[in-house]
């Protein structure tokens, strides 16, 4: 184990989008048991600082690996295809139309049932987009196309968060 290992190497996992969450969780617990600063309490301040760095590194890797969207973005980066969500908003025309339709539907939604139906539609689109990203990364090794899919997934997740906010406002 080296601090410079990528997240998959650190966790001893294949560099693929398809992962079993229970395996990621189990490996995180095992790594935390190895590097937790409390294990080094009797070894002095320097050893504890190093253990803290390791614990932070393991936690950062865990946060990326456990989340399918973050994992896909990370794989794209590892394969040389930056997602570039901050400065690359290019999307296919059909997806842009879908975004506009969803936004209009969200503006027009007047009750919980309408919001939940819209969220169901977005959840289905999210699952389809995640499956597409996995196929592009694991089967086609097409990181640039996967990066575009990740950008679309980022929009879908933001849209679903907006729906959640509207639902929460109804409960308030």
Protein backbone atom coordinates (compact mmCIF):
# COMPACT_ATOMS: atom_id res chain seq x y z
CA UNK A 1 0.00 0.00 0.00
CA UNK A 2 1.32 3.39 -1.03
CA UNK A 3 -0.27 6.81 -0.68
CA UNK A 4 0.21 7.25 -4.42
CA UNK A 5 -1.87 4.16 -5.29
CA UNK A 6 -5.11 4.96 -7.05
CA UNK A 7 -8.32 4.21 -5.15
CA UNK A 8 -8.84 0.83 -6.80
CA UNK A 9 -5.27 -0.26 -6.08
CA UNK A 10 -5.58 0.95 -2.50
CA UNK A 11 -8.75 -1.10 -2.01
CA UNK A 12 -7.48 -4.10 -4.00
CA UNK A 13 -10.36 -3.82 -6.47
CA UNK A 14 -10.43 -4.12 -10.26
CA UNK A 15 -10.47 -0.79 -12.11
CA UNK A 16 -14.03 -1.20 -13.31
CA UNK A 17 -17.28 0.65 -12.85
CA UNK A 18 -19.07 -2.57 -11.92
CA UNK A 19 -18.43 -3.05 -8.21
CA UNK A 20 -20.23 -4.75 -5.36
CA UNK A 21 -20.95 -2.20 -2.63
CA UNK A 22 -20.55 -4.82 0.12
CA UNK A 23 -17.01 -5.54 -1.13
CA UNK A 24 -16.13 -1.84 -1.05
CA UNK A 25 -17.57 -1.50 2.46
CA UNK A 26 -15.75 -4.58 3.74
CA UNK A 27 -12.44 -3.45 2.30
CA UNK A 28 -12.93 0.04 3.80
CA UNK A 29 -13.50 -1.45 7.25
CA UNK A 30 -10.43 -3.66 6.92
CA UNK A 31 -8.26 -0.75 5.77
CA UNK A 32 -9.56 1.48 8.56
CA UNK A 33 -8.68 -1.22 11.08
CA UNK A 34 -5.11 -1.24 9.69
CA UNK A 35 -4.52 2.51 9.60
CA UNK A 36 -6.69 3.96 12.36
CA UNK A 37 -4.65 6.46 14.42
CA UNK A 38 -5.74 4.81 17.70
CA UNK A 39 -3.66 1.77 16.73
CA UNK A 40 -0.58 4.01 16.84
CA UNK A 41 -1.33 5.86 20.09
CA UNK A 42 1.72 4.43 21.84
CA UNK A 43 4.08 5.14 18.94
CA UNK A 44 4.28 8.91 19.27
CA UNK A 45 3.05 11.98 17.44
CA UNK A 46 4.84 11.31 14.13
CA UNK A 47 3.35 7.83 13.77
CA UNK A 48 -0.08 9.19 14.64
CA UNK A 49 0.23 11.92 11.98
CA UNK A 50 1.13 9.33 9.36
CA UNK A 51 -1.77 7.15 10.48
CA UNK A 52 -4.08 10.17 10.23
CA UNK A 53 -2.90 10.79 6.65
CA UNK A 54 -3.59 7.17 5.79
CA UNK A 55 -7.01 7.23 7.44
CA UNK A 56 -7.91 10.37 5.48
CA UNK A 57 -6.65 8.82 2.24
CA UNK A 58 -8.68 5.65 2.83
CA UNK A 59 -11.81 7.69 3.62
CA UNK A 60 -11.40 9.84 0.48
CA UNK A 61 -11.03 6.72 -1.65
CA UNK A 62 -14.06 5.17 0.01
CA UNK A 63 -16.20 8.23 -0.73
CA UNK A 64 -15.28 8.00 -4.43
CA UNK A 65 -15.60 4.25 -4.78
CA UNK A 66 -18.91 3.78 -2.97
CA UNK A 67 -20.77 6.34 -5.10
CA UNK A 68 -21.38 5.07 -8.66
CA UNK A 69 -21.31 8.58 -10.16
CA UNK A 70 -18.10 9.59 -8.39
CA UNK A 71 -16.57 6.23 -9.28
CA UNK A 72 -17.43 6.72 -12.97
CA UNK A 73 -15.98 10.23 -12.98
CA UNK A 74 -12.83 8.93 -11.28
CA UNK A 75 -12.44 6.13 -13.81
CA UNK A 76 -12.80 8.63 -16.64
CA UNK A 77 -10.05 10.75 -15.06
CA UNK A 78 -7.80 7.69 -14.59
CA UNK A 79 -8.27 6.87 -18.27
CA UNK A 80 -7.39 10.37 -19.40
CA UNK A 81 -10.87 11.74 -20.08
CA UNK A 82 -11.64 14.63 -17.79
CA UNK A 83 -15.34 15.05 -17.07
CA UNK A 84 -14.79 18.82 -17.07
CA UNK A 85 -18.30 19.56 -15.79
CA UNK A 86 -17.30 23.12 -14.88
CA UNK A 87 -16.40 24.11 -18.43
CA UNK A 88 -17.90 21.43 -20.69
CA UNK A 89 -21.68 21.47 -20.74
CA UNK A 90 -22.05 20.03 -24.23
CA UNK A 91 -24.91 17.54 -24.33
CA UNK A 92 -26.82 15.76 -27.08
CA UNK A 93 -29.86 17.66 -28.33
CA UNK A 94 -32.25 14.94 -27.14
CA UNK A 95 -30.88 15.20 -23.60
CA UNK A 96 -31.18 18.98 -23.66
CA UNK A 97 -34.83 18.63 -24.70
CA UNK A 98 -35.39 16.14 -21.87
CA UNK A 99 -33.86 18.64 -19.41
CA UNK A 100 -36.19 21.39 -20.61
CA UNK A 101 -39.23 19.13 -20.38
CA UNK A 102 -38.28 18.05 -16.86
CA UNK A 103 -37.72 21.63 -15.73
CA UNK A 104 -41.08 22.70 -17.13
CA UNK A 105 -42.76 19.73 -15.46
CA UNK A 106 -41.09 20.64 -12.16
CA UNK A 107 -42.28 24.23 -12.47
CA UNK A 108 -45.82 23.01 -13.21
CA UNK A 109 -45.92 20.25 -10.57
CA UNK A 110 -48.52 21.19 -8.00
CA UNK A 111 -48.55 18.28 -5.60
CA UNK A 112 -46.73 15.36 -4.09
CA UNK A 113 -48.02 12.83 -6.63
CA UNK A 114 -46.80 14.91 -9.58
CA UNK A 115 -43.39 15.44 -7.96
CA UNK A 116 -43.03 11.76 -7.13
CA UNK A 117 -43.96 10.76 -10.68
CA UNK A 118 -41.36 13.17 -12.01
CA UNK A 119 -38.77 11.75 -9.60
CA UNK A 120 -39.63 8.20 -10.72
CA UNK A 121 -39.03 9.26 -14.33
CA UNK A 122 -35.71 10.88 -13.42
CA UNK A 123 -34.69 7.85 -11.32
CA UNK A 124 -35.30 5.58 -14.28
CA UNK A 125 -33.24 7.87 -16.52
CA UNK A 126 -30.49 7.88 -13.89
CA UNK A 127 -30.40 4.07 -13.74
CA UNK A 128 -30.26 3.87 -17.53
CA UNK A 129 -27.46 6.46 -17.69
CA UNK A 130 -25.46 4.63 -14.99
CA UNK A 131 -25.81 1.37 -16.91
CA UNK A 132 -24.68 3.14 -20.08
CA UNK A 133 -21.66 4.64 -18.29
CA UNK A 134 -20.74 1.20 -16.95
CA UNK A 135 -20.99 -0.30 -20.43
CA UNK A 136 -18.87 2.48 -21.92
CA UNK A 137 -16.19 2.11 -19.23
CA UNK A 138 -16.09 -1.64 -18.67
CA UNK A 139 -17.03 -3.08 -22.05
CA UNK A 140 -16.01 -0.44 -24.59
CA UNK A 141 -13.18 1.27 -22.67
CA UNK A 142 -14.54 4.53 -24.09
CA UNK A 143 -13.71 7.05 -21.38
CA UNK A 144 -14.53 10.16 -23.47
CA UNK A 145 -18.07 8.92 -24.15
CA UNK A 146 -18.38 7.85 -20.51
CA UNK A 147 -17.32 11.35 -19.42
CA UNK A 148 -20.23 12.81 -21.41
CA UNK A 149 -22.53 10.29 -19.74
CA UNK A 150 -21.18 11.34 -16.32
CA UNK A 151 -22.01 14.98 -17.10
CA UNK A 152 -25.57 13.93 -17.91
CA UNK A 153 -25.73 11.96 -14.66
CA UNK A 154 -24.60 15.03 -12.74
CA UNK A 155 -27.52 16.97 -14.17
CA UNK A 156 -29.97 14.19 -13.34
CA UNK A 157 -28.74 14.04 -9.75
CA UNK A 158 -29.05 17.83 -9.37
CA UNK A 159 -32.53 17.67 -10.85
CA UNK A 160 -33.54 14.92 -8.42
CA UNK A 161 -32.17 17.02 -5.54
CA UNK A 162 -34.39 19.89 -6.73
CA UNK A 163 -37.37 17.54 -6.67
CA UNK A 164 -36.44 16.47 -3.13
CA UNK A 165 -36.36 20.13 -2.07
CA UNK A 166 -39.81 20.71 -3.52
CA UNK A 167 -41.11 17.60 -1.73
CA UNK A 168 -39.57 18.75 1.54
CA UNK A 169 -41.20 22.17 1.11
CA UNK A 170 -44.59 20.45 0.85
CA UNK A 171 -43.97 18.74 4.21
CA UNK A 172 -42.94 21.98 5.93
